[in-house]
Protein backbone atom coordinates (compact mmCIF):
# COMPACT_ATOMS: atom_id res chain seq x y z
CA MET A 1 0.00 0.00 0.00
CA LYS A 2 2.96 2.32 0.43
CA PHE A 3 3.34 2.56 -3.35
CA THR A 4 -0.32 3.19 -4.16
CA ASP A 5 -0.85 5.50 -1.18
CA GLY A 6 2.32 7.35 -2.15
CA LEU A 7 1.12 7.77 -5.73
CA PHE A 8 -2.27 9.03 -4.51
CA LEU A 9 -0.62 11.51 -2.13
CA LYS A 10 1.84 12.76 -4.79
CA THR A 11 -1.00 13.27 -7.26
CA ALA A 12 -3.15 15.08 -4.67
CA GLN A 13 -0.24 17.34 -3.75
CA SER A 14 0.39 18.11 -7.43
CA VAL A 15 -3.25 19.00 -8.06
CA ALA A 16 -3.45 21.06 -4.85
CA LYS A 17 -0.58 23.28 -6.07
CA LYS A 18 -2.83 24.42 -8.92
CA PHE A 19 -5.47 25.67 -6.45
CA LYS A 20 -3.64 27.98 -4.04
CA SER A 21 -6.87 29.23 -2.42
CA ILE A 22 -7.75 25.73 -1.21
CA GLU A 23 -6.07 24.56 1.98
CA PHE A 24 -4.41 21.16 1.57
CA ASP A 25 -3.09 18.83 4.23
CA ASP A 26 -2.63 15.10 4.53
CA ARG A 27 -3.41 12.69 7.35
CA ILE A 28 -2.86 9.01 8.09
CA VAL A 29 -6.28 7.33 8.14
CA ASP A 30 -6.31 6.38 11.84
CA ASN A 31 -5.40 9.93 12.85
CA MET A 32 -8.01 11.31 10.44
CA CYS A 33 -10.68 9.19 12.14
CA MET A 34 -9.66 10.52 15.53
CA GLN A 35 -9.67 14.10 14.22
CA LEU A 36 -13.18 13.62 12.82
CA VAL A 37 -14.45 12.42 16.18
CA VAL A 38 -12.75 15.17 18.18
CA LYS A 39 -12.87 18.15 15.77
CA PRO A 40 -15.20 17.41 12.82
CA GLU A 41 -15.83 21.12 12.23
CA LEU A 42 -12.27 21.49 10.88
CA TYR A 43 -13.08 19.54 7.71
CA ASP A 44 -15.19 20.50 4.71
CA VAL A 45 -13.95 18.11 2.03
CA ILE A 46 -11.95 14.93 2.39
CA VAL A 47 -10.35 13.28 -0.63
CA CYS A 48 -9.02 9.77 -0.24
CA PRO A 49 -8.71 6.39 -1.94
CA ASN A 50 -11.66 3.99 -1.81
CA LEU A 51 -10.58 1.88 1.20
CA TYR A 52 -9.94 4.91 3.40
CA GLY A 53 -13.13 6.51 2.14
CA ASP A 54 -15.07 3.45 3.29
CA ILE A 55 -13.43 3.56 6.71
CA ILE A 56 -14.03 7.29 7.15
CA SER A 57 -17.59 7.28 5.81
CA ASP A 58 -18.55 4.40 8.13
CA LEU A 59 -17.05 6.26 11.08
CA CYS A 60 -18.86 9.48 10.22
CA SER A 61 -22.18 7.75 9.64
CA GLY A 62 -21.82 6.13 13.05
CA LEU A 63 -21.38 9.57 14.59
CA VAL A 64 -24.74 10.73 13.19
CA GLY A 65 -26.83 7.64 13.90
CA GLY A 66 -25.65 4.86 11.63
CA LEU A 67 -25.30 3.71 8.05
CA GLY A 68 -29.07 3.85 7.54
CA LEU A 69 -28.99 7.64 7.73
CA ALA A 70 -26.06 8.44 5.44
CA PRO A 71 -26.60 9.35 1.79
CA SER A 72 -23.78 9.61 -0.73
CA ALA A 73 -23.03 10.99 -4.15
CA ASN A 74 -20.36 10.44 -6.77
CA ILE A 75 -20.47 13.46 -9.04
CA GLY A 76 -18.45 13.70 -12.22
CA SER A 77 -18.39 16.24 -15.00
CA ASP A 78 -20.84 14.28 -17.18
CA CYS A 79 -22.80 12.08 -14.79
CA ALA A 80 -23.65 11.49 -11.16
CA VAL A 81 -24.65 8.52 -9.02
CA PHE A 82 -26.59 8.87 -5.75
CA GLU A 83 -26.98 5.98 -3.29
CA PRO A 84 -26.89 5.17 0.40
CA ILE A 85 -23.38 5.16 1.76
CA HIS A 86 -23.85 1.48 2.61
CA GLY A 87 -24.73 0.65 -1.01
CA SER A 88 -27.61 -1.64 -1.84
CA ALA A 89 -27.31 -3.97 1.21
CA PRO A 90 -28.41 -7.04 -0.80
CA LYS A 91 -28.37 -9.35 2.22
CA TYR A 92 -31.42 -7.45 3.48
CA ALA A 93 -33.32 -7.51 0.18
CA GLY A 94 -36.97 -8.40 0.61
CA MET A 95 -36.85 -8.34 4.42
CA ASN A 96 -38.67 -4.99 4.75
CA LYS A 97 -36.55 -3.93 7.70
CA VAL A 98 -33.78 -1.64 6.42
CA ASN A 99 -33.94 2.07 7.22
CA PRO A 100 -34.98 3.91 4.01
CA THR A 101 -33.57 7.26 5.14
CA ALA A 102 -30.18 7.00 3.41
CA THR A 103 -31.85 6.06 0.12
CA ILE A 104 -34.36 8.90 0.40
CA LEU A 105 -31.70 11.44 1.38
CA SER A 106 -29.65 10.28 -1.62
CA ALA A 107 -32.72 11.14 -3.71
CA VAL A 108 -32.78 14.56 -2.02
CA MET A 109 -29.19 15.11 -3.11
CA MET A 110 -30.05 14.00 -6.65
CA LEU A 111 -33.04 16.35 -6.81
CA GLU A 112 -30.83 19.24 -5.70
CA HIS A 113 -28.22 18.25 -8.28
CA ILE A 114 -30.73 18.37 -11.14
CA GLY A 115 -32.19 21.67 -9.95
CA GLU A 116 -35.40 20.37 -8.34
CA VAL A 117 -34.71 22.35 -5.18
CA LYS A 118 -38.32 22.65 -3.95
CA ALA A 119 -38.94 18.91 -4.32
CA ALA A 120 -35.65 18.24 -2.52
CA LYS A 121 -36.55 20.56 0.37
CA ASP A 122 -40.05 19.08 0.69
CA LEU A 123 -38.70 15.55 0.79
CA GLU A 124 -35.93 16.42 3.26
CA LYS A 125 -38.40 18.24 5.50
CA ALA A 126 -40.66 15.16 5.54
CA VAL A 127 -37.77 12.85 6.45
CA LEU A 128 -36.66 15.17 9.27
CA ALA A 129 -40.24 15.38 10.59
CA VAL A 130 -40.53 11.58 10.78
CA LEU A 131 -37.13 11.28 12.47
CA LYS A 132 -37.95 14.03 14.96
CA GLU A 133 -41.36 12.57 15.74
CA GLY A 134 -39.68 9.25 16.52
CA LYS A 135 -42.78 7.06 16.20
CA VAL A 136 -42.38 5.25 12.87
CA LEU A 137 -38.70 4.28 12.77
CA THR A 138 -36.85 1.12 11.75
CA TYR A 139 -35.00 -1.19 14.15
CA ASP A 140 -31.69 0.69 13.92
CA LEU A 141 -33.31 3.83 15.32
CA LYS A 142 -36.03 2.28 17.49
CA PRO A 143 -35.17 -1.24 18.68
CA LYS A 144 -38.42 -1.66 20.63
CA ASN A 145 -41.45 -2.04 18.39
CA PRO A 146 -39.71 -0.93 15.19
CA ALA A 147 -41.47 -0.07 11.94
CA LYS A 148 -40.86 -1.93 8.72
CA THR A 149 -39.10 -0.17 5.81
CA GLY A 150 -42.37 0.32 3.96
CA MET A 151 -44.13 1.74 7.00
CA MET A 152 -41.43 4.36 7.53
CA ALA A 153 -41.40 5.24 3.82
CA LYS A 154 -45.21 5.62 3.85
CA GLU A 155 -44.97 7.89 6.88
CA ILE A 156 -42.50 10.10 5.01
CA ILE A 157 -44.87 10.20 2.03
CA ARG A 158 -47.74 11.11 4.35
CA LYS A 159 -45.71 14.06 5.66
CA ILE A 160 -45.07 15.29 2.11
CA GLU A 161 -48.78 15.08 1.27
CA LYS A 162 -49.75 17.24 4.26
């Protein structure tokens, strides 16, 4: 990993030199994780290889309530992909128990990306209302008497329709 990490770091440093107004610094992944727990407000954008990105995104999602709440986006110059940070979670397919929040918030990000700002805000507001209310939540957020995926999604839809 020293060779690939070294190549990534050299490339990042080279690109950073072209953008003098952007602050650039590097961290070892374990120290970065500690920094994110202790001083998350110091970081706006983190660029890293896939493995470290997985480690850091899992850590950060744990700090805000878990993988079921964390949306993600991969945005390029010609296309974009929006999905939960945990991916599709195929081992839970058809079980009707996974938290739909990350998927729905990924849709919020997509709507914003394509300029559908009002739809994005309405959807995000509905998700936040359901989370704040705390009644119709999946097992990861409400272990006692949890809602099924579909029930939580329907509650979010109900909030939008209000």
